[in-house]
PDB file of N, CA and C in Angstrom:
ATOM      1  N   MET A   1      16.793  53.107  -4.899  1.00  0.00           N
ATOM      2  CA  MET A   1      15.667  53.774  -5.535  1.00  0.00           C
ATOM      3  C   MET A   1      16.203  54.884  -6.431  1.00  0.00           C
ATOM      4  N   PRO A   2      15.675  54.992  -7.670  1.00  0.00           N
ATOM      5  CA  PRO A   2      16.167  56.037  -8.570  1.00  0.00           C
ATOM      6  C   PRO A   2      15.901  57.423  -8.015  1.00  0.00           C
ATOM      7  N   GLU A   3      16.746  58.330  -8.431  1.00  0.00           N
ATOM      8  CA  GLU A   3      16.609  59.709  -7.982  1.00  0.00           C
ATOM      9  C   GLU A   3      15.418  60.362  -8.668  1.00  0.00           C
ATOM     10  N   LYS A   4      14.644  61.116  -7.893  1.00  0.00           N
ATOM     11  CA  LYS A   4      13.460  61.798  -8.419  1.00  0.00           C
ATOM     12  C   LYS A   4      13.900  62.959  -9.297  1.00  0.00           C
ATOM     13  N   LYS A   5      13.193  63.175 -10.390  1.00  0.00           N
ATOM     14  CA  LYS A   5      13.494  64.275 -11.290  1.00  0.00           C
ATOM     15  C   LYS A   5      12.504  65.398 -11.057  1.00  0.00           C
ATOM     16  N   THR A   6      12.914  66.579 -11.405  1.00  0.00           N
ATOM     17  CA  THR A   6      12.046  67.729 -11.202  1.00  0.00           C
ATOM     18  C   THR A   6      11.855  68.464 -12.518  1.00  0.00           C
ATOM     19  N   GLY A   7      10.855  69.349 -12.523  1.00  0.00           N
ATOM     20  CA  GLY A   7      10.630  70.200 -13.681  1.00  0.00           C
ATOM     21  C   GLY A   7      10.361  69.413 -14.947  1.00  0.00           C
ATOM     22  N   SER A   8      10.855  69.930 -16.068  1.00  0.00           N
ATOM     23  CA  SER A   8      10.563  69.322 -17.363  1.00  0.00           C
ATOM     24  C   SER A   8      11.263  67.981 -17.545  1.00  0.00           C
ATOM     25  N   GLU A   9      12.300  67.688 -16.752  1.00  0.00           N
ATOM     26  CA  GLU A   9      12.982  66.397 -16.856  1.00  0.00           C
ATOM     27  C   GLU A   9      12.024  65.238 -16.626  1.00  0.00           C
ATOM     28  N   ARG A  10      11.105  65.395 -15.681  1.00  0.00           N
ATOM     29  CA  ARG A  10      10.223  64.298 -15.327  1.00  0.00           C
ATOM     30  C   ARG A  10       9.085  64.124 -16.321  1.00  0.00           C
ATOM     31  N   GLU A  11       8.947  65.028 -17.252  1.00  0.00           N
ATOM     32  CA  GLU A  11       7.868  64.946 -18.220  1.00  0.00           C
ATOM     33  C   GLU A  11       8.298  64.215 -19.485  1.00  0.00           C
ATOM     34  N   LYS A  12       9.447  63.589 -19.458  1.00  0.00           N
ATOM     35  CA  LYS A  12       9.980  62.952 -20.643  1.00  0.00           C
ATOM     36  C   LYS A  12       9.678  61.466 -20.671  1.00  0.00           C
ATOM     37  N   LEU A  13       9.020  61.036 -21.719  1.00  0.00           N
ATOM     38  CA  LEU A  13       8.847  59.627 -22.010  1.00  0.00           C
ATOM     39  C   LEU A  13       8.817  59.520 -23.525  1.00  0.00           C
ATOM     40  N   THR A  14       9.766  58.800 -24.073  1.00  0.00           N
ATOM     41  CA  THR A  14       9.803  58.610 -25.513  1.00  0.00           C
ATOM     42  C   THR A  14       9.691  57.124 -25.812  1.00  0.00           C
ATOM     43  N   PHE A  15       9.528  56.814 -27.085  1.00  0.00           N
ATOM     44  CA  PHE A  15       9.278  55.440 -27.491  1.00  0.00           C
ATOM     45  C   PHE A  15      10.130  55.071 -28.687  1.00  0.00           C
ATOM     46  N   ASP A  16      10.406  53.788 -28.798  1.00  0.00           N
ATOM     47  CA  ASP A  16      11.032  53.214 -29.977  1.00  0.00           C
ATOM     48  C   ASP A  16      10.173  52.002 -30.325  1.00  0.00           C
ATOM     49  N   GLN A  17       9.831  51.849 -31.594  1.00  0.00           N
ATOM     50  CA  GLN A  17       8.901  50.788 -31.972  1.00  0.00           C
ATOM     51  C   GLN A  17       9.472  49.920 -33.084  1.00  0.00           C
ATOM     52  N   LYS A  18       9.307  48.604 -32.921  1.00  0.00           N
ATOM     53  CA  LYS A  18       9.714  47.617 -33.922  1.00  0.00           C
ATOM     54  C   LYS A  18       8.630  46.547 -33.969  1.00  0.00           C
ATOM     55  N   THR A  19       8.694  45.676 -34.971  1.00  0.00           N
ATOM     56  CA  THR A  19       7.761  44.560 -35.064  1.00  0.00           C
ATOM     57  C   THR A  19       8.564  43.265 -35.148  1.00  0.00           C
ATOM     58  N   THR A  20       8.118  42.228 -34.421  1.00  0.00           N
ATOM     59  CA  THR A  20       8.805  40.931 -34.465  1.00  0.00           C
ATOM     60  C   THR A  20       8.308  40.120 -35.646  1.00  0.00           C
ATOM     61  N   ASP A  21       9.017  39.030 -35.921  1.00  0.00           N
ATOM     62  CA  ASP A  21       8.619  38.142 -37.004  1.00  0.00           C
ATOM     63  C   ASP A  21       7.302  37.424 -36.704  1.00  0.00           C
ATOM     64  N   LYS A  22       6.845  37.443 -35.459  1.00  0.00           N
ATOM     65  CA  LYS A  22       5.580  36.807 -35.091  1.00  0.00           C
ATOM     66  C   LYS A  22       4.429  37.814 -35.015  1.00  0.00           C
ATOM     67  N   GLY A  23       4.688  39.033 -35.474  1.00  0.00           N
ATOM     68  CA  GLY A  23       3.634  40.033 -35.521  1.00  0.00           C
ATOM     69  C   GLY A  23       3.427  40.844 -34.261  1.00  0.00           C
ATOM     70  N   TYR A  24       4.237  40.631 -33.259  1.00  0.00           N
ATOM     71  CA  TYR A  24       4.155  41.444 -32.040  1.00  0.00           C
ATOM     72  C   TYR A  24       4.842  42.787 -32.276  1.00  0.00           C
ATOM     73  N   VAL A  25       4.287  43.828 -31.703  1.00  0.00           N
ATOM     74  CA  VAL A  25       4.938  45.136 -31.709  1.00  0.00           C
ATOM     75  C   VAL A  25       5.810  45.207 -30.466  1.00  0.00           C
ATOM     76  N   VAL A  26       7.077  45.565 -30.643  1.00  0.00           N
ATOM     77  CA  VAL A  26       7.972  45.783 -29.512  1.00  0.00           C
ATOM     78  C   VAL A  26       8.072  47.293 -29.321  1.00  0.00           C
ATOM     79  N   LEU A  27       7.540  47.749 -28.202  1.00  0.00           N
ATOM     80  CA  LEU A  27       7.527  49.171 -27.898  1.00  0.00           C
ATOM     81  C   LEU A  27       8.432  49.421 -26.699  1.00  0.00           C
ATOM     82  N   SER A  28       9.513  50.146 -26.933  1.00  0.00           N
ATOM     83  CA  SER A  28      10.443  50.479 -25.853  1.00  0.00           C
ATOM     84  C   SER A  28      10.013  51.787 -25.199  1.00  0.00           C
ATOM     85  N   PHE A  29       9.946  51.772 -23.870  1.00  0.00           N
ATOM     86  CA  PHE A  29       9.686  52.977 -23.095  1.00  0.00           C
ATOM     87  C   PHE A  29      11.034  53.532 -22.661  1.00  0.00           C
ATOM     88  N   ILE A  30      11.270  54.798 -22.975  1.00  0.00           N
ATOM     89  CA  ILE A  30      12.533  55.433 -22.632  1.00  0.00           C
ATOM     90  C   ILE A  30      12.215  56.629 -21.741  1.00  0.00           C
ATOM     91  N   GLY A  31      12.575  56.521 -20.473  1.00  0.00           N
ATOM     92  CA  GLY A  31      12.282  57.583 -19.513  1.00  0.00           C
ATOM     93  C   GLY A  31      11.499  57.055 -18.330  1.00  0.00           C
ATOM     94  N   ASP A  32      10.676  57.905 -17.759  1.00  0.00           N
ATOM     95  CA  ASP A  32       9.901  57.562 -16.565  1.00  0.00           C
ATOM     96  C   ASP A  32       8.428  57.404 -16.922  1.00  0.00           C
ATOM     97  N   LEU A  33       7.761  56.482 -16.225  1.00  0.00           N
ATOM     98  CA  LEU A  33       6.318  56.305 -16.386  1.00  0.00           C
ATOM     99  C   LEU A  33       5.659  56.705 -15.077  1.00  0.00           C
ATOM    100  N   ASP A  34       5.089  57.895 -15.077  1.00  0.00           N
ATOM    101  CA  ASP A  34       4.447  58.421 -13.878  1.00  0.00           C
ATOM    102  C   ASP A  34       3.224  59.233 -14.282  1.00  0.00           C
ATOM    103  N   MET A  35       2.618  59.899 -13.343  1.00  0.00           N
ATOM    104  CA  MET A  35       1.374  60.614 -13.634  1.00  0.00           C
ATOM    105  C   MET A  35       1.544  61.714 -14.671  1.00  0.00           C
ATOM    106  N   TRP A  36       2.754  62.229 -14.840  1.00  0.00           N
ATOM    107  CA  TRP A  36       2.993  63.275 -15.816  1.00  0.00           C
ATOM    108  C   TRP A  36       3.170  62.717 -17.225  1.00  0.00           C
ATOM    109  N   THR A  37       3.755  61.545 -17.342  1.00  0.00           N
ATOM    110  CA  THR A  37       4.016  60.964 -18.663  1.00  0.00           C
ATOM    111  C   THR A  37       2.957  59.949 -19.072  1.00  0.00           C
ATOM    112  N   LEU A  38       2.084  59.580 -18.151  1.00  0.00           N
ATOM    113  CA  LEU A  38       1.048  58.591 -18.421  1.00  0.00           C
ATOM    114  C   LEU A  38       0.194  58.920 -19.653  1.00  0.00           C
ATOM    115  N   PRO A  39      -0.230  60.178 -19.855  1.00  0.00           N
ATOM    116  CA  PRO A  39      -1.026  60.461 -21.061  1.00  0.00           C
ATOM    117  C   PRO A  39      -0.300  60.096 -22.363  1.00  0.00           C
ATOM    118  N   ASN A  40       1.022  60.292 -22.414  1.00  0.00           N
ATOM    119  CA  ASN A  40       1.794  59.924 -23.606  1.00  0.00           C
ATOM    120  C   ASN A  40       1.761  58.417 -23.833  1.00  0.00           C
ATOM    121  N   ALA A  41       1.910  57.656 -22.765  1.00  0.00           N
ATOM    122  CA  ALA A  41       1.901  56.193 -22.873  1.00  0.00           C
ATOM    123  C   ALA A  41       0.530  55.694 -23.319  1.00  0.00           C
ATOM    124  N   LYS A  42      -0.523  56.241 -22.730  1.00  0.00           N
ATOM    125  CA  LYS A  42      -1.880  55.834 -23.107  1.00  0.00           C
ATOM    126  C   LYS A  42      -2.168  56.169 -24.570  1.00  0.00           C
ATOM    127  N   GLU A  43      -1.742  57.343 -24.987  1.00  0.00           N
ATOM    128  CA  GLU A  43      -1.958  57.769 -26.375  1.00  0.00           C
ATOM    129  C   GLU A  43      -1.260  56.808 -27.341  1.00  0.00           C
ATOM    130  N   ARG A  44      -0.059  56.410 -27.006  1.00  0.00           N
ATOM    131  CA  ARG A  44       0.695  55.502 -27.880  1.00  0.00           C
ATOM    132  C   ARG A  44       0.024  54.135 -27.961  1.00  0.00           C
ATOM    133  N   ILE A  45      -0.413  53.601 -26.826  1.00  0.00           N
ATOM    134  CA  ILE A  45      -1.095  52.296 -26.817  1.00  0.00           C
ATOM    135  C   ILE A  45      -2.423  52.391 -27.568  1.00  0.00           C
ATOM    136  N   ASN A  46      -3.183  53.447 -27.342  1.00  0.00           N
ATOM    137  CA  ASN A  46      -4.461  53.617 -28.040  1.00  0.00           C
ATOM    138  C   ASN A  46      -4.270  53.692 -29.552  1.00  0.00           C
ATOM    139  N   ALA A  47      -3.186  54.332 -29.989  1.00  0.00           N
ATOM    140  CA  ALA A  47      -2.903  54.402 -31.426  1.00  0.00           C
ATOM    141  C   ALA A  47      -2.633  53.007 -31.982  1.00  0.00           C
ATOM    142  N   LEU A  48      -1.871  52.196 -31.248  1.00  0.00           N
ATOM    143  CA  LEU A  48      -1.599  50.827 -31.697  1.00  0.00           C
ATOM    144  C   LEU A  48      -2.878  49.999 -31.760  1.00  0.00           C
ATOM    145  N   VAL A  49      -3.706  50.106 -30.727  1.00  0.00           N
ATOM    146  CA  VAL A  49      -4.975  49.376 -30.703  1.00  0.00           C
ATOM    147  C   VAL A  49      -5.854  49.836 -31.866  1.00  0.00           C
ATOM    148  N   GLY A  50      -5.838  51.134 -32.146  1.00  0.00           N
ATOM    149  CA  GLY A  50      -6.599  51.672 -33.270  1.00  0.00           C
ATOM    150  C   GLY A  50      -6.145  51.106 -34.607  1.00  0.00           C
ATOM    151  N   GLU A  51      -4.879  50.700 -34.693  1.00  0.00           N
ATOM    152  CA  GLU A  51      -4.327  50.068 -35.902  1.00  0.00           C
ATOM    153  C   GLU A  51      -4.470  48.548 -35.841  1.00  0.00           C
ATOM    154  N   ASN A  52      -5.200  48.062 -34.850  1.00  0.00           N
ATOM    155  CA  ASN A  52      -5.422  46.633 -34.618  1.00  0.00           C
ATOM    156  C   ASN A  52      -4.113  45.885 -34.312  1.00  0.00           C
ATOM    157  N   LYS A  53      -3.170  46.581 -33.705  1.00  0.00           N
ATOM    158  CA  LYS A  53      -1.925  45.970 -33.245  1.00  0.00           C
ATOM    159  C   LYS A  53      -2.095  45.732 -31.752  1.00  0.00           C
ATOM    160  N   VAL A  54      -2.582  44.530 -31.403  1.00  0.00           N
ATOM    161  CA  VAL A  54      -2.965  44.264 -30.020  1.00  0.00           C
ATOM    162  C   VAL A  54      -2.061  43.228 -29.341  1.00  0.00           C
ATOM    163  N   LYS A  55      -1.009  42.808 -30.023  1.00  0.00           N
ATOM    164  CA  LYS A  55      -0.013  41.932 -29.404  1.00  0.00           C
ATOM    165  C   LYS A  55       1.237  42.785 -29.211  1.00  0.00           C
ATOM    166  N   ILE A  56       1.461  43.184 -27.950  1.00  0.00           N
ATOM    167  CA  ILE A  56       2.493  44.176 -27.662  1.00  0.00           C
ATOM    168  C   ILE A  56       3.477  43.655 -26.628  1.00  0.00           C
ATOM    169  N   ILE A  57       4.759  43.869 -26.916  1.00  0.00           N
ATOM    170  CA  ILE A  57       5.835  43.619 -25.964  1.00  0.00           C
ATOM    171  C   ILE A  57       6.375  44.984 -25.556  1.00  0.00           C
ATOM    172  N   LEU A  58       6.297  45.284 -24.278  1.00  0.00           N
ATOM    173  CA  LEU A  58       6.872  46.532 -23.776  1.00  0.00           C
ATOM    174  C   LEU A  58       8.273  46.246 -23.254  1.00  0.00           C
ATOM    175  N   ASP A  59       9.243  46.907 -23.856  1.00  0.00           N
ATOM    176  CA  ASP A  59      10.638  46.780 -23.439  1.00  0.00           C
ATOM    177  C   ASP A  59      10.929  47.909 -22.449  1.00  0.00           C
ATOM    178  N   LEU A  60      11.202  47.534 -21.205  1.00  0.00           N
ATOM    179  CA  LEU A  60      11.389  48.526 -20.140  1.00  0.00           C
ATOM    180  C   LEU A  60      12.860  48.731 -19.771  1.00  0.00           C
ATOM    181  N   GLU A  61      13.757  48.292 -20.639  1.00  0.00           N
ATOM    182  CA  GLU A  61      15.191  48.389 -20.333  1.00  0.00           C
ATOM    183  C   GLU A  61      15.627  49.823 -20.031  1.00  0.00           C
ATOM    184  N   LYS A  62      15.053  50.794 -20.715  1.00  0.00           N
ATOM    185  CA  LYS A  62      15.475  52.188 -20.542  1.00  0.00           C
ATOM    186  C   LYS A  62      14.466  52.995 -19.733  1.00  0.00           C
ATOM    187  N   MET A  63      13.644  52.295 -18.968  1.00  0.00           N
ATOM    188  CA  MET A  63      12.708  52.971 -18.073  1.00  0.00           C
ATOM    189  C   MET A  63      13.303  52.945 -16.666  1.00  0.00           C
ATOM    190  N   ASN A  64      13.440  54.115 -16.074  1.00  0.00           N
ATOM    191  CA  ASN A  64      14.125  54.220 -14.792  1.00  0.00           C
ATOM    192  C   ASN A  64      13.205  54.272 -13.588  1.00  0.00           C
ATOM    193  N   TYR A  65      12.006  54.780 -13.783  1.00  0.00           N
ATOM    194  CA  TYR A  65      11.132  55.060 -12.643  1.00  0.00           C
ATOM    195  C   TYR A  65       9.687  54.772 -13.024  1.00  0.00           C
ATOM    196  N   ILE A  66       8.923  54.300 -12.051  1.00  0.00           N
ATOM    197  CA  ILE A  66       7.493  54.068 -12.243  1.00  0.00           C
ATOM    198  C   ILE A  66       6.782  54.408 -10.932  1.00  0.00           C
ATOM    199  N   ASP A  67       5.610  55.001 -11.041  1.00  0.00           N
ATOM    200  CA  ASP A  67       4.809  55.248  -9.840  1.00  0.00           C
ATOM    201  C   ASP A  67       3.525  54.431  -9.929  1.00  0.00           C
ATOM    202  N   SER A  68       2.619  54.629  -8.995  1.00  0.00           N
ATOM    203  CA  SER A  68       1.409  53.814  -8.946  1.00  0.00           C
ATOM    204  C   SER A  68       0.539  53.995 -10.188  1.00  0.00           C
ATOM    205  N   SER A  69       0.542  55.178 -10.767  1.00  0.00           N
ATOM    206  CA  SER A  69      -0.250  55.378 -11.987  1.00  0.00           C
ATOM    207  C   SER A  69       0.337  54.568 -13.140  1.00  0.00           C
ATOM    208  N   GLY A  70       1.645  54.424 -13.147  1.00  0.00           N
ATOM    209  CA  GLY A  70       2.294  53.593 -14.162  1.00  0.00           C
ATOM    210  C   GLY A  70       1.947  52.123 -14.000  1.00  0.00           C
ATOM    211  N   LEU A  71       1.880  51.665 -12.765  1.00  0.00           N
ATOM    212  CA  LEU A  71       1.480  50.270 -12.520  1.00  0.00           C
ATOM    213  C   LEU A  71       0.044  50.046 -12.975  1.00  0.00           C
ATOM    214  N   GLY A  72      -0.813  51.002 -12.695  1.00  0.00           N
ATOM    215  CA  GLY A  72      -2.200  50.912 -13.150  1.00  0.00           C
ATOM    216  C   GLY A  72      -2.291  50.895 -14.669  1.00  0.00           C
ATOM    217  N   PHE A  73      -1.394  51.625 -15.318  1.00  0.00           N
ATOM    218  CA  PHE A  73      -1.345  51.640 -16.781  1.00  0.00           C
ATOM    219  C   PHE A  73      -1.114  50.231 -17.340  1.00  0.00           C
ATOM    220  N   PHE A  74      -0.190  49.478 -16.728  1.00  0.00           N
ATOM    221  CA  PHE A  74       0.088  48.125 -17.211  1.00  0.00           C
ATOM    222  C   PHE A  74      -1.141  47.230 -17.082  1.00  0.00           C
ATOM    223  N   ILE A  75      -1.840  47.321 -15.965  1.00  0.00           N
ATOM    224  CA  ILE A  75      -3.029  46.493 -15.750  1.00  0.00           C
ATOM    225  C   ILE A  75      -4.130  46.881 -16.736  1.00  0.00           C
ATOM    226  N   GLY A  76      -4.357  48.181 -16.900  1.00  0.00           N
ATOM    227  CA  GLY A  76      -5.371  48.646 -17.840  1.00  0.00           C
ATOM    228  C   GLY A  76      -5.044  48.272 -19.274  1.00  0.00           C
ATOM    229  N   THR A  77      -3.773  48.360 -19.637  1.00  0.00           N
ATOM    230  CA  THR A  77      -3.348  48.000 -20.989  1.00  0.00           C
ATOM    231  C   THR A  77      -3.535  46.505 -21.230  1.00  0.00           C
ATOM    232  N   LEU A  78      -3.182  45.688 -20.254  1.00  0.00           N
ATOM    233  CA  LEU A  78      -3.381  44.239 -20.382  1.00  0.00           C
ATOM    234  C   LEU A  78      -4.854  43.928 -20.641  1.00  0.00           C
ATOM    235  N   LYS A  79      -5.730  44.529 -19.869  1.00  0.00           N
ATOM    236  CA  LYS A  79      -7.174  44.294 -20.047  1.00  0.00           C
ATOM    237  C   LYS A  79      -7.632  44.744 -21.425  1.00  0.00           C
ATOM    238  N   LYS A  80      -7.211  45.927 -21.840  1.00  0.00           N
ATOM    239  CA  LYS A  80      -7.612  46.459 -23.139  1.00  0.00           C
ATOM    240  C   LYS A  80      -7.165  45.530 -24.272  1.00  0.00           C
ATOM    241  N   LEU A  81      -5.928  45.054 -24.204  1.00  0.00           N
ATOM    242  CA  LEU A  81      -5.402  44.189 -25.259  1.00  0.00           C
ATOM    243  C   LEU A  81      -6.080  42.823 -25.263  1.00  0.00           C
ATOM    244  N   ARG A  82      -6.291  42.257 -24.086  1.00  0.00           N
ATOM    245  CA  ARG A  82      -6.950  40.945 -24.019  1.00  0.00           C
ATOM    246  C   ARG A  82      -8.401  41.031 -24.481  1.00  0.00           C
ATOM    247  N   ASP A  83      -9.065  42.140 -24.189  1.00  0.00           N
ATOM    248  CA  ASP A  83     -10.438  42.329 -24.670  1.00  0.00           C
ATOM    249  C   ASP A  83     -10.511  42.331 -26.194  1.00  0.00           C
ATOM    250  N   LYS A  84      -9.407  42.706 -26.844  1.00  0.00           N
ATOM    251  CA  LYS A  84      -9.341  42.749 -28.308  1.00  0.00           C
ATOM    252  C   LYS A  84      -8.695  41.482 -28.884  1.00  0.00           C
ATOM    253  N   GLY A  85      -8.460  40.474 -28.030  1.00  0.00           N
ATOM    254  CA  GLY A  85      -7.847  39.234 -28.490  1.00  0.00           C
ATOM    255  C   GLY A  85      -6.332  39.279 -28.542  1.00  0.00           C
ATOM    256  N   GLY A  86      -5.740  40.269 -27.894  1.00  0.00           N
ATOM    257  CA  GLY A  86      -4.293  40.442 -27.919  1.00  0.00           C
ATOM    258  C   GLY A  86      -3.632  40.014 -26.620  1.00  0.00           C
ATOM    259  N   ASP A  87      -2.432  40.526 -26.415  1.00  0.00           N
ATOM    260  CA  ASP A  87      -1.660  40.168 -25.229  1.00  0.00           C
ATOM    261  C   ASP A  87      -0.645  41.261 -24.937  1.00  0.00           C
ATOM    262  N   LEU A  88      -0.167  41.278 -23.698  1.00  0.00           N
ATOM    263  CA  LEU A  88       0.871  42.205 -23.252  1.00  0.00           C
ATOM    264  C   LEU A  88       1.962  41.404 -22.581  1.00  0.00           C
ATOM    265  N   ILE A  89       3.194  41.661 -22.994  1.00  0.00           N
ATOM    266  CA  ILE A  89       4.376  41.026 -22.410  1.00  0.00           C
ATOM    267  C   ILE A  89       5.351  42.140 -22.051  1.00  0.00           C
ATOM    268  N   LEU A  90       6.009  42.012 -20.910  1.00  0.00           N
ATOM    269  CA  LEU A  90       7.023  42.982 -20.491  1.00  0.00           C
ATOM    270  C   LEU A  90       8.386  42.316 -20.487  1.00  0.00           C
ATOM    271  N   ILE A  91       9.380  43.025 -20.993  1.00  0.00           N
ATOM    272  CA  ILE A  91      10.746  42.494 -21.004  1.00  0.00           C
ATOM    273  C   ILE A  91      11.719  43.532 -20.442  1.00  0.00           C
ATOM    274  N   ASN A  92      12.878  43.029 -20.034  1.00  0.00           N
ATOM    275  CA  ASN A  92      13.996  43.871 -19.586  1.00  0.00           C
ATOM    276  C   ASN A  92      13.654  44.779 -18.409  1.00  0.00           C
ATOM    277  N   LEU A  93      12.941  44.248 -17.417  1.00  0.00           N
ATOM    278  CA  LEU A  93      12.651  45.035 -16.221  1.00  0.00           C
ATOM    279  C   LEU A  93      13.924  45.134 -15.379  1.00  0.00           C
ATOM    280  N   ASN A  94      14.278  46.333 -14.951  1.00  0.00           N
ATOM    281  CA  ASN A  94      15.445  46.462 -14.084  1.00  0.00           C
ATOM    282  C   ASN A  94      15.086  45.990 -12.669  1.00  0.00           C
ATOM    283  N   ALA A  95      16.066  45.891 -11.823  1.00  0.00           N
ATOM    284  CA  ALA A  95      15.851  45.337 -10.470  1.00  0.00           C
ATOM    285  C   ALA A  95      14.841  46.165  -9.676  1.00  0.00           C
ATOM    286  N   TYR A  96      14.859  47.469  -9.816  1.00  0.00           N
ATOM    287  CA  TYR A  96      13.940  48.347  -9.094  1.00  0.00           C
ATOM    288  C   TYR A  96      12.493  48.079  -9.519  1.00  0.00           C
ATOM    289  N   ILE A  97      12.248  48.067 -10.821  1.00  0.00           N
ATOM    290  CA  ILE A  97      10.882  47.866 -11.319  1.00  0.00           C
ATOM    291  C   ILE A  97      10.420  46.439 -11.054  1.00  0.00           C
ATOM    292  N   TYR A  98      11.289  45.464 -11.258  1.00  0.00           N
ATOM    293  CA  TYR A  98      10.891  44.087 -10.986  1.00  0.00           C
ATOM    294  C   TYR A  98      10.585  43.893  -9.496  1.00  0.00           C
ATOM    295  N   GLY A  99      11.322  44.574  -8.639  1.00  0.00           N
ATOM    296  CA  GLY A  99      11.066  44.504  -7.198  1.00  0.00           C
ATOM    297  C   GLY A  99       9.663  44.992  -6.860  1.00  0.00           C
ATOM    298  N   ILE A 100       9.226  46.057  -7.511  1.00  0.00           N
ATOM    299  CA  ILE A 100       7.868  46.561  -7.296  1.00  0.00           C
ATOM    300  C   ILE A 100       6.854  45.542  -7.803  1.00  0.00           C
ATOM    301  N   PHE A 101       7.125  44.962  -8.975  1.00  0.00           N
ATOM    302  CA  PHE A 101       6.226  43.944  -9.528  1.00  0.00           C
ATOM    303  C   PHE A 101       6.089  42.777  -8.560  1.00  0.00           C
ATOM    304  N   LYS A 102       7.206  42.336  -7.990  1.00  0.00           N
ATOM    305  CA  LYS A 102       7.158  41.218  -7.049  1.00  0.00           C
ATOM    306  C   LYS A 102       6.393  41.589  -5.788  1.00  0.00           C
ATOM    307  N   LEU A 103       6.586  42.806  -5.320  1.00  0.00           N
ATOM    308  CA  LEU A 103       5.922  43.262  -4.102  1.00  0.00           C
ATOM    309  C   LEU A 103       4.402  43.181  -4.224  1.00  0.00           C
ATOM    310  N   ILE A 104       3.879  43.552  -5.384  1.00  0.00           N
ATOM    311  CA  ILE A 104       2.422  43.529  -5.562  1.00  0.00           C
ATOM    312  C   ILE A 104       1.966  42.326  -6.395  1.00  0.00           C
ATOM    313  N   GLN A 105       2.890  41.396  -6.635  1.00  0.00           N
ATOM    314  CA  GLN A 105       2.581  40.136  -7.334  1.00  0.00           C
ATOM    315  C   GLN A 105       2.114  40.343  -8.774  1.00  0.00           C
ATOM    316  N   LEU A 106       2.524  41.435  -9.409  1.00  0.00           N
ATOM    317  CA  LEU A 106       2.083  41.736 -10.770  1.00  0.00           C
ATOM    318  C   LEU A 106       2.706  40.798 -11.807  1.00  0.00           C
ATOM    319  N   GLN A 107       3.854  40.215 -11.489  1.00  0.00           N
ATOM    320  CA  GLN A 107       4.492  39.303 -12.443  1.00  0.00           C
ATOM    321  C   GLN A 107       3.686  38.023 -12.629  1.00  0.00           C
ATOM    322  N   HIS A 108       2.694  37.777 -11.754  1.00  0.00           N
ATOM    323  CA  HIS A 108       1.817  36.607 -11.912  1.00  0.00           C
ATOM    324  C   HIS A 108       0.639  36.922 -12.839  1.00  0.00           C
ATOM    325  N   ILE A 109       0.416  38.196 -13.112  1.00  0.00           N
ATOM    326  CA  ILE A 109      -0.690  38.626 -13.958  1.00  0.00           C
ATOM    327  C   ILE A 109      -0.210  38.960 -15.365  1.00  0.00           C
ATOM    328  N   ILE A 110       0.927  39.636 -15.443  1.00  0.00           N
ATOM    329  CA  ILE A 110       1.501  40.035 -16.734  1.00  0.00           C
ATOM    330  C   ILE A 110       2.776  39.226 -16.954  1.00  0.00           C
ATOM    331  N   ASN A 111       2.889  38.590 -18.110  1.00  0.00           N
ATOM    332  CA  ASN A 111       4.084  37.811 -18.427  1.00  0.00           C
ATOM    333  C   ASN A 111       5.292  38.728 -18.543  1.00  0.00           C
ATOM    334  N   THR A 112       6.352  38.387 -17.811  1.00  0.00           N
ATOM    335  CA  THR A 112       7.595  39.147 -17.870  1.00  0.00           C
ATOM    336  C   THR A 112       8.731  38.197 -18.242  1.00  0.00           C
ATOM    337  N   TYR A 113       9.654  38.707 -19.039  1.00  0.00           N
ATOM    338  CA  TYR A 113      10.815  37.922 -19.465  1.00  0.00           C
ATOM    339  C   TYR A 113      12.063  38.790 -19.364  1.00  0.00           C
ATOM    340  N   ASP A 114      13.207  38.112 -19.257  1.00  0.00           N
ATOM    341  CA  ASP A 114      14.477  38.827 -19.113  1.00  0.00           C
ATOM    342  C   ASP A 114      14.855  39.616 -20.358  1.00  0.00           C
ATOM    343  N   ASN A 115      14.475  39.110 -21.541  1.00  0.00           N
ATOM    344  CA  ASN A 115      14.847  39.778 -22.784  1.00  0.00           C
ATOM    345  C   ASN A 115      13.922  39.330 -23.913  1.00  0.00           C
ATOM    346  N   LEU A 116      14.111  39.911 -25.082  1.00  0.00           N
ATOM    347  CA  LEU A 116      13.250  39.623 -26.222  1.00  0.00           C
ATOM    348  C   LEU A 116      13.394  38.177 -26.685  1.00  0.00           C
ATOM    349  N   ASP A 117      14.610  37.645 -26.661  1.00  0.00           N
ATOM    350  CA  ASP A 117      14.802  36.243 -27.081  1.00  0.00           C
ATOM    351  C   ASP A 117      14.005  35.293 -26.206  1.00  0.00           C
ATOM    352  N   GLU A 118      14.000  35.517 -24.891  1.00  0.00           N
ATOM    353  CA  GLU A 118      13.219  34.670 -23.986  1.00  0.00           C
ATOM    354  C   GLU A 118      11.720  34.826 -24.265  1.00  0.00           C
ATOM    355  N   ALA A 119      11.281  36.036 -24.506  1.00  0.00           N
ATOM    356  CA  ALA A 119       9.859  36.270 -24.780  1.00  0.00           C
ATOM    357  C   ALA A 119       9.457  35.571 -26.079  1.00  0.00           C
ATOM    358  N   LYS A 120      10.306  35.628 -27.093  1.00  0.00           N
ATOM    359  CA  LYS A 120       9.977  35.020 -28.393  1.00  0.00           C
ATOM    360  C   LYS A 120       9.742  33.518 -28.284  1.00  0.00           C
ATOM    361  N   LYS A 121      10.382  32.862 -27.334  1.00  0.00           N
ATOM    362  CA  LYS A 121      10.184  31.430 -27.153  1.00  0.00           C
ATOM    363  C   LYS A 121       8.765  31.100 -26.722  1.00  0.00           C
ATOM    364  N   HIS A 122       8.065  32.079 -26.165  1.00  0.00           N
ATOM    365  CA  HIS A 122       6.726  31.862 -25.619  1.00  0.00           C
ATOM    366  C   HIS A 122       5.621  32.512 -26.437  1.00  0.00           C
ATOM    367  N   LEU A 123       5.973  33.151 -27.541  1.00  0.00           N
ATOM    368  CA  LEU A 123       4.965  33.819 -28.356  1.00  0.00           C
ATOM    369  C   LEU A 123       4.113  32.824 -29.118  1.00  0.00           C
ATOM    370  N   THR A 124       2.837  33.133 -29.246  1.00  0.00           N
ATOM    371  CA  THR A 124       1.939  32.253 -30.005  1.00  0.00           C
ATOM    372  C   THR A 124       1.645  32.834 -31.372  1.00  0.00           C
TER     373      THR A 124
END
């Protein structure tokens, strides 16, 4: 289990954004997704939806920690995107995060792939 951060360290969540040749936005989460950083993640997704960018791939390669609010964020984001005719795909989950997904069976609800190349094979 990753080491817990304290103080301002735990309030860090940054993003890197690219677009695929199929029109999906690839949004990398860098840092932790928890109750302190959740507003930043929601704001970023809402901005994309506001731009009608509703096909999103979240790259979690550089995400170290997630709590229950972060898991709820993924479910809420999936619903929001599907309601707009979009989709949510997760890639590059580390063993810790994928273990949590398996524990609550979330990988059966949200499509997850090992990397962007694997995800691209399934894009519509």
